[in-house]
């Protein structure tokens, strides 16, 4: 029976992985701490490590796993920008879950937009105190407005479908347009200038880091709404905060934050948070911050557990690793797995 060290474990993780572990004959040891250079020793004696998007998988962690004869990391998420692939190459195979439920994330993005627009979060708090005033709760019709979608992968295309269902016009930016998709592609600058709502659905790369910054915010329409359910560092948080204070931005819905690692997924209700930008964003009446929960549906969690364990089974069975991420592929472009072999 293969032993798996499972880091940053939450109760909902255990629920879905425990349903499947016997099917795959895995022994899973759940650890609450994140995977880091301080906790990697906990994996000693295991055959694999399961990690998450906020774990710090740097060269020290990679080397420690390799020394412990652990040659595979299974990410239970799509993102992998927290991994030092150069260090991992030829030492540790990295697997991920490329798709679990694009609908979950896209629907959460629309939930943030609807809540901000119609002020339902403020109305909820008012009526609980028997305040039934409508002052300050005016929204606008989404119908006829322009949604700018950045990134047209599966999640972005799901969000486009939802926007069209509301009767919105949709424009999109993606350096790799989907052919024959019927999507109206424009430059990012044109998108900024013309969209009433901008929703981010692209991966975090060196090209997309702080794609929303002081300069691109200045291009946007006054009273634009910004939604981010992708990666926190797509937005320069300090620039966003200033734009909100300047009343350039009407509202922001953030399921991610660029410095979220220390905070998200944890109960810090009795803790003083020293990140002034995060605290000020949360305090704004026209900002909603959720704790990276867009993926959190039964369907998505089931798919994540199944794919993660299938990835590990394929590794231990010596099969092709369809969901492997390779350093060489990262350098040279997207790998289509046409070689039908492992990356090393």
Protein backbone atom coordinates (compact mmCIF):
# COMPACT_ATOMS: atom_id res chain seq x y z
CA UNK A 1 0.00 0.00 0.00
CA UNK A 2 1.47 3.34 -1.07
CA UNK A 3 1.75 6.03 1.58
CA UNK A 4 0.73 9.59 0.74
CA UNK A 5 1.61 12.70 2.76
CA UNK A 6 -1.22 15.17 2.34
CA UNK A 7 -0.35 18.78 3.25
CA UNK A 8 -2.57 21.75 4.15
CA UNK A 9 -5.43 19.36 4.80
CA UNK A 10 -8.89 20.74 5.53
CA UNK A 11 -11.99 18.86 6.70
CA UNK A 12 -13.59 19.09 3.25
CA UNK A 13 -10.43 17.61 1.68
CA UNK A 14 -10.54 14.59 3.96
CA UNK A 15 -14.22 14.01 3.24
CA UNK A 16 -13.74 13.60 -0.51
CA UNK A 17 -10.35 11.87 -0.48
CA UNK A 18 -11.41 9.38 2.19
CA UNK A 19 -14.29 8.28 -0.02
CA UNK A 20 -11.81 7.14 -2.68
CA UNK A 21 -8.58 6.16 -0.95
CA UNK A 22 -9.55 2.49 -0.44
CA UNK A 23 -10.40 2.15 -4.12
CA UNK A 24 -6.82 3.11 -4.96
CA UNK A 25 -5.25 1.25 -2.01
CA UNK A 26 -3.54 4.38 -0.69
CA UNK A 27 -2.74 5.19 2.92
CA UNK A 28 -3.18 8.94 3.31
CA UNK A 29 -1.59 10.82 6.21
CA UNK A 30 -3.22 14.23 6.55
CA UNK A 31 -1.16 17.16 7.82
CA UNK A 32 -2.65 20.54 8.65
CA UNK A 33 0.53 22.58 7.99
CA UNK A 34 1.38 23.71 4.48
CA UNK A 35 4.24 22.04 2.65
CA UNK A 36 7.38 24.11 3.14
CA UNK A 37 11.03 23.71 4.05
CA UNK A 38 9.93 23.59 7.69
CA UNK A 39 7.39 20.79 7.24
CA UNK A 40 8.82 18.66 4.45
CA UNK A 41 10.36 16.28 7.02
CA UNK A 42 6.83 15.10 7.85
CA UNK A 43 6.73 13.29 4.51
CA UNK A 44 9.63 11.01 5.43
CA UNK A 45 8.70 7.40 4.76
CA UNK A 46 6.00 8.32 2.25
CA UNK A 47 5.88 7.49 -1.44
CA UNK A 48 4.30 10.77 -2.59
CA UNK A 49 3.25 14.21 -1.42
CA UNK A 50 -0.05 15.92 -2.13
CA UNK A 51 0.11 19.69 -2.05
CA UNK A 52 -1.99 22.78 -2.74
CA UNK A 53 -1.66 26.12 -4.47
CA UNK A 54 -0.44 28.07 -1.43
CA UNK A 55 2.28 25.62 -0.39
CA UNK A 56 5.87 26.86 -0.83
CA UNK A 57 7.48 24.24 -3.05
CA UNK A 58 10.89 25.78 -3.59
CA UNK A 59 14.26 24.18 -4.33
CA UNK A 60 14.82 23.33 -0.66
CA UNK A 61 11.55 21.40 -0.52
CA UNK A 62 12.25 19.66 -3.83
CA UNK A 63 15.72 18.58 -2.68
CA UNK A 64 14.40 17.37 0.67
CA UNK A 65 11.69 15.27 -1.00
CA UNK A 66 14.24 13.83 -3.41
CA UNK A 67 16.56 12.92 -0.55
CA UNK A 68 13.60 11.18 1.13
CA UNK A 69 13.15 9.17 -2.10
CA UNK A 70 9.86 10.92 -2.87
CA UNK A 71 9.80 11.46 -6.61
CA UNK A 72 6.27 12.73 -7.19
CA UNK A 73 4.16 15.67 -6.04
CA UNK A 74 0.46 15.60 -6.83
CA UNK A 75 -1.04 19.08 -6.80
CA UNK A 76 -4.75 18.94 -5.96
CA UNK A 77 -5.40 22.09 -7.97
CA UNK A 78 -4.86 23.52 -11.43
CA UNK A 79 -2.34 26.21 -10.44
CA UNK A 80 1.37 25.50 -10.06
CA UNK A 81 3.10 28.88 -10.04
CA UNK A 82 4.31 28.10 -6.48
CA UNK A 83 6.69 25.37 -7.67
CA UNK A 84 10.36 25.65 -8.61
CA UNK A 85 10.24 23.54 -11.77
CA UNK A 86 13.90 24.05 -12.57
CA UNK A 87 14.76 22.37 -9.26
CA UNK A 88 12.16 19.64 -9.79
CA UNK A 89 13.29 18.61 -13.26
CA UNK A 90 14.84 15.12 -13.28
CA UNK A 91 14.14 14.78 -9.55
CA UNK A 92 10.43 15.06 -8.82
CA UNK A 93 7.51 14.63 -11.19
CA UNK A 94 4.81 17.26 -10.72
CA UNK A 95 1.19 16.36 -11.48
CA UNK A 96 -1.85 18.63 -11.30
CA UNK A 97 -5.61 18.75 -11.84
CA UNK A 98 -6.02 20.79 -15.03
CA UNK A 99 -9.81 20.92 -14.86
CA UNK A 100 -12.31 20.10 -12.14
CA UNK A 101 -15.35 22.31 -12.59
CA UNK A 102 -15.06 25.43 -14.73
CA UNK A 103 -18.70 26.07 -13.91
CA UNK A 104 -17.92 26.40 -10.19
CA UNK A 105 -15.40 29.20 -10.70
CA UNK A 106 -17.34 30.99 -13.42
CA UNK A 107 -20.54 30.91 -11.35
CA UNK A 108 -18.72 32.32 -8.34
CA UNK A 109 -17.38 35.16 -10.48
CA UNK A 110 -20.93 36.01 -11.51
CA UNK A 111 -22.09 35.70 -7.90
CA UNK A 112 -19.52 38.31 -6.89
CA UNK A 113 -20.64 40.61 -9.70
CA UNK A 114 -24.34 40.26 -8.89
CA UNK A 115 -23.76 40.79 -5.18
CA UNK A 116 -21.67 43.90 -5.72
CA UNK A 117 -24.01 45.35 -8.32
CA UNK A 118 -27.29 44.84 -6.45
CA UNK A 119 -25.73 45.43 -3.00
CA UNK A 120 -27.31 42.26 -1.58
CA UNK A 121 -24.52 41.91 1.01
CA UNK A 122 -25.35 45.36 2.38
CA UNK A 123 -29.10 44.74 2.24
CA UNK A 124 -28.66 41.47 4.15
CA UNK A 125 -26.82 43.21 6.97
CA UNK A 126 -29.39 46.03 7.09
CA UNK A 127 -32.50 43.89 7.31
CA UNK A 128 -31.00 41.80 10.11
CA UNK A 129 -31.05 45.04 12.09
CA UNK A 130 -34.60 45.84 10.89
CA UNK A 131 -33.33 48.57 8.57
CA UNK A 132 -35.43 48.33 5.42
CA UNK A 133 -34.18 51.51 3.72
CA UNK A 134 -33.29 51.29 0.04
CA UNK A 135 -30.91 54.25 0.09
CA UNK A 136 -27.52 53.43 -1.39
CA UNK A 137 -28.64 50.12 -2.89
CA UNK A 138 -29.10 51.17 -6.51
CA UNK A 139 -27.52 48.88 -9.09
CA UNK A 140 -27.66 48.70 -12.88
CA UNK A 141 -29.01 46.33 -15.53
CA UNK A 142 -26.38 43.90 -16.71
CA UNK A 143 -28.37 43.56 -19.92
CA UNK A 144 -26.72 45.57 -22.65
CA UNK A 145 -23.51 46.22 -20.73
CA UNK A 146 -20.08 45.09 -21.94
CA UNK A 147 -18.19 42.35 -20.13
CA UNK A 148 -14.45 42.15 -20.75
CA UNK A 149 -13.13 38.63 -20.16
CA UNK A 150 -9.38 38.17 -19.78
CA UNK A 151 -8.49 34.57 -20.58
CA UNK A 152 -10.72 32.26 -22.61
CA UNK A 153 -9.86 28.84 -21.27
CA UNK A 154 -12.65 26.61 -20.01
CA UNK A 155 -13.51 28.90 -17.08
CA UNK A 156 -13.39 32.06 -19.15
CA UNK A 157 -15.66 30.54 -21.80
CA UNK A 158 -18.12 29.41 -19.12
CA UNK A 159 -18.21 32.96 -17.77
CA UNK A 160 -18.79 34.28 -21.29
CA UNK A 161 -21.80 31.98 -21.66
CA UNK A 162 -23.20 33.21 -18.35
CA UNK A 163 -22.73 36.86 -19.37
CA UNK A 164 -24.45 36.24 -22.67
CA UNK A 165 -27.33 34.68 -20.77
CA UNK A 166 -27.79 38.04 -19.05
CA UNK A 167 -27.85 39.77 -22.41
CA UNK A 168 -24.41 41.30 -22.04
CA UNK A 169 -22.07 42.10 -24.91
CA UNK A 170 -18.79 40.23 -24.45
CA UNK A 171 -15.31 41.15 -25.60
CA UNK A 172 -12.25 39.11 -24.66
CA UNK A 173 -8.47 39.21 -24.55
CA UNK A 174 -6.28 36.14 -24.86
CA UNK A 175 -2.86 35.90 -26.53
CA UNK A 176 -3.97 32.47 -27.77
CA UNK A 177 -7.52 32.94 -29.16
CA UNK A 178 -9.77 29.93 -29.43
CA UNK A 179 -10.37 29.37 -33.17
CA UNK A 180 -13.94 29.32 -34.48
CA UNK A 181 -15.28 30.17 -31.02
CA UNK A 182 -17.41 33.14 -32.01
CA UNK A 183 -15.67 35.21 -29.33
CA UNK A 184 -14.99 38.87 -30.11
CA UNK A 185 -11.26 39.18 -29.35
CA UNK A 186 -9.68 42.59 -28.80
CA UNK A 187 -6.39 43.88 -27.40
CA UNK A 188 -6.11 44.18 -23.64
CA UNK A 189 -5.94 47.98 -23.95
CA UNK A 190 -9.17 48.04 -25.99
CA UNK A 191 -10.82 45.75 -23.47
CA UNK A 192 -9.86 48.08 -20.62
CA UNK A 193 -11.26 51.08 -22.47
CA UNK A 194 -14.62 49.55 -23.40
CA UNK A 195 -15.69 47.10 -20.70
CA UNK A 196 -18.14 47.92 -17.93
CA UNK A 197 -17.13 44.74 -16.14
CA UNK A 198 -13.69 43.11 -16.32
CA UNK A 199 -13.32 39.52 -15.13
CA UNK A 200 -9.94 37.78 -14.91
CA UNK A 201 -9.69 34.11 -15.89
CA UNK A 202 -6.07 33.77 -17.04
CA UNK A 203 -3.09 31.94 -15.50
CA UNK A 204 -0.37 33.79 -13.62
CA UNK A 205 2.75 34.09 -15.76
CA UNK A 206 5.54 36.63 -16.12
CA UNK A 207 3.42 38.30 -18.81
CA UNK A 208 0.22 38.47 -16.75
CA UNK A 209 1.78 39.42 -13.42
CA UNK A 210 0.12 42.72 -12.41
CA UNK A 211 -1.72 42.89 -15.74
CA UNK A 212 -4.09 45.15 -13.80
CA UNK A 213 -1.84 47.97 -12.65
CA UNK A 214 -1.74 51.74 -12.31
CA UNK A 215 -1.46 52.26 -16.07
CA UNK A 216 -4.14 49.78 -17.16
CA UNK A 217 -6.49 50.98 -14.41
CA UNK A 218 -6.15 54.48 -15.86
CA UNK A 219 -7.36 53.16 -19.23
CA UNK A 220 -10.54 51.72 -17.76
CA UNK A 221 -13.94 53.32 -17.78
CA UNK A 222 -14.94 55.26 -14.72
CA UNK A 223 -17.14 53.09 -12.49
CA UNK A 224 -15.82 49.80 -13.91
CA UNK A 225 -16.34 46.59 -11.93
CA UNK A 226 -13.34 44.24 -11.56
CA UNK A 227 -13.72 40.56 -10.71
CA UNK A 228 -10.79 38.23 -10.00
CA UNK A 229 -11.30 34.52 -9.38
CA UNK A 230 -8.01 33.44 -10.95
CA UNK A 231 -4.71 34.44 -9.29
CA UNK A 232 -4.14 37.27 -6.86
CA UNK A 233 -0.96 38.60 -8.44
CA UNK A 234 -2.79 39.40 -11.67
CA UNK A 235 -3.70 42.63 -9.86
CA UNK A 236 -1.38 45.17 -8.28
CA UNK A 237 -3.32 45.38 -5.02
CA UNK A 238 -1.96 48.75 -3.97
CA UNK A 239 -2.85 50.27 -7.34
CA UNK A 240 -6.35 48.78 -7.10
CA UNK A 241 -6.81 50.17 -3.61
CA UNK A 242 -5.78 53.64 -4.78
CA UNK A 243 -8.16 53.45 -7.75
CA UNK A 244 -11.00 52.54 -5.41
CA UNK A 245 -10.12 55.43 -3.10
CA UNK A 246 -10.04 57.75 -6.12
CA UNK A 247 -13.51 56.44 -7.07
CA UNK A 248 -12.18 55.34 -10.44
CA UNK A 249 -13.28 51.78 -9.71
CA UNK A 250 -16.91 51.29 -8.77
CA UNK A 251 -16.44 47.89 -7.15
CA UNK A 252 -14.14 44.89 -6.91
CA UNK A 253 -14.88 41.24 -6.22
CA UNK A 254 -11.76 39.34 -5.20
CA UNK A 255 -11.66 35.62 -4.53
CA UNK A 256 -7.86 35.77 -4.61
CA UNK A 257 -5.23 38.15 -3.25
CA UNK A 258 -1.55 38.35 -4.15
CA UNK A 259 -0.37 37.95 -0.54
CA UNK A 260 -3.05 35.45 0.45
CA UNK A 261 -0.76 32.58 1.47
CA UNK A 262 -0.60 33.57 5.15
CA UNK A 263 -4.31 34.25 5.47
CA UNK A 264 -6.66 32.37 3.18
CA UNK A 265 -8.14 29.04 4.30
CA UNK A 266 -7.43 29.86 7.95
CA UNK A 267 -9.60 31.15 10.81
CA UNK A 268 -7.89 34.37 11.89
CA UNK A 269 -10.90 35.93 13.59
CA UNK A 270 -8.94 36.34 16.85
CA UNK A 271 -5.79 37.56 15.11
CA UNK A 272 -4.51 41.01 14.22
CA UNK A 273 -3.75 41.01 10.50
CA UNK A 274 -0.76 43.17 9.63
CA UNK A 275 -1.38 43.38 5.90
CA UNK A 276 -2.69 46.94 5.65
CA UNK A 277 -3.68 46.65 1.99
CA UNK A 278 -5.84 43.58 2.62
CA UNK A 279 -7.46 45.14 5.68
CA UNK A 280 -8.27 48.33 3.80
CA UNK A 281 -9.71 46.42 0.87
CA UNK A 282 -11.94 44.37 3.16
CA UNK A 283 -13.12 47.55 4.90
CA UNK A 284 -14.36 49.13 1.67
CA UNK A 285 -18.15 48.97 1.22
CA UNK A 286 -17.76 48.31 -2.51
CA UNK A 287 -15.27 45.45 -2.19
CA UNK A 288 -16.04 41.80 -1.51
CA UNK A 289 -13.16 39.49 -0.61
CA UNK A 290 -13.84 35.76 -0.46
CA UNK A 291 -11.15 33.33 0.64
CA UNK A 292 -10.30 31.53 -2.61
CA UNK A 293 -13.54 29.59 -2.46
CA UNK A 294 -14.64 29.78 -6.10
CA UNK A 295 -13.79 26.10 -6.65
CA UNK A 296 -15.69 24.94 -3.59
CA UNK A 297 -18.58 22.84 -4.89
CA UNK A 298 -19.39 19.16 -4.38
CA UNK A 299 -18.76 18.47 -8.05
CA UNK A 300 -15.38 20.21 -8.08
CA UNK A 301 -14.14 18.61 -4.86
CA UNK A 302 -15.15 15.17 -6.10
CA UNK A 303 -13.32 15.72 -9.39
CA UNK A 304 -10.22 17.07 -7.63
CA UNK A 305 -9.99 14.02 -5.39
CA UNK A 306 -10.57 11.57 -8.23
CA UNK A 307 -8.08 13.19 -10.62
CA UNK A 308 -5.39 13.59 -7.94
CA UNK A 309 -5.59 9.93 -7.00
CA UNK A 310 -5.78 8.84 -10.66
CA UNK A 311 -2.63 10.86 -11.31
CA UNK A 312 -0.83 9.07 -8.49
CA UNK A 313 -2.08 5.67 -9.63
CA UNK A 314 -0.74 6.34 -13.13
CA UNK A 315 2.62 7.32 -11.67
CA UNK A 316 2.95 4.22 -9.50
CA UNK A 317 1.68 1.95 -12.32
CA UNK A 318 4.33 3.28 -14.68
CA UNK A 319 1.70 4.65 -17.03
CA UNK A 320 1.78 7.81 -19.11
CA UNK A 321 1.32 10.93 -17.00
CA UNK A 322 -1.31 12.94 -18.85
CA UNK A 323 -1.36 15.66 -16.20
CA UNK A 324 2.38 16.06 -15.66
CA UNK A 325 3.91 19.56 -15.69
CA UNK A 326 7.43 19.65 -17.06
CA UNK A 327 10.17 22.25 -16.69
CA UNK A 328 11.27 21.77 -20.29
CA UNK A 329 7.69 22.23 -21.48
CA UNK A 330 7.40 25.34 -19.37
CA UNK A 331 10.46 26.75 -21.14
CA UNK A 332 9.56 25.74 -24.66
CA UNK A 333 5.77 26.05 -24.71
CA UNK A 334 2.74 23.92 -23.95
CA UNK A 335 3.36 20.19 -24.23
CA UNK A 336 0.68 18.21 -26.07
CA UNK A 337 1.99 14.90 -24.66
CA UNK A 338 2.42 13.62 -28.21
CA UNK A 339 5.65 11.90 -27.10
CA UNK A 340 3.51 9.54 -25.01
CA UNK A 341 6.17 9.40 -22.32
CA UNK A 342 7.08 11.00 -19.02
CA UNK A 343 8.92 14.29 -19.03
CA UNK A 344 12.06 12.63 -17.68
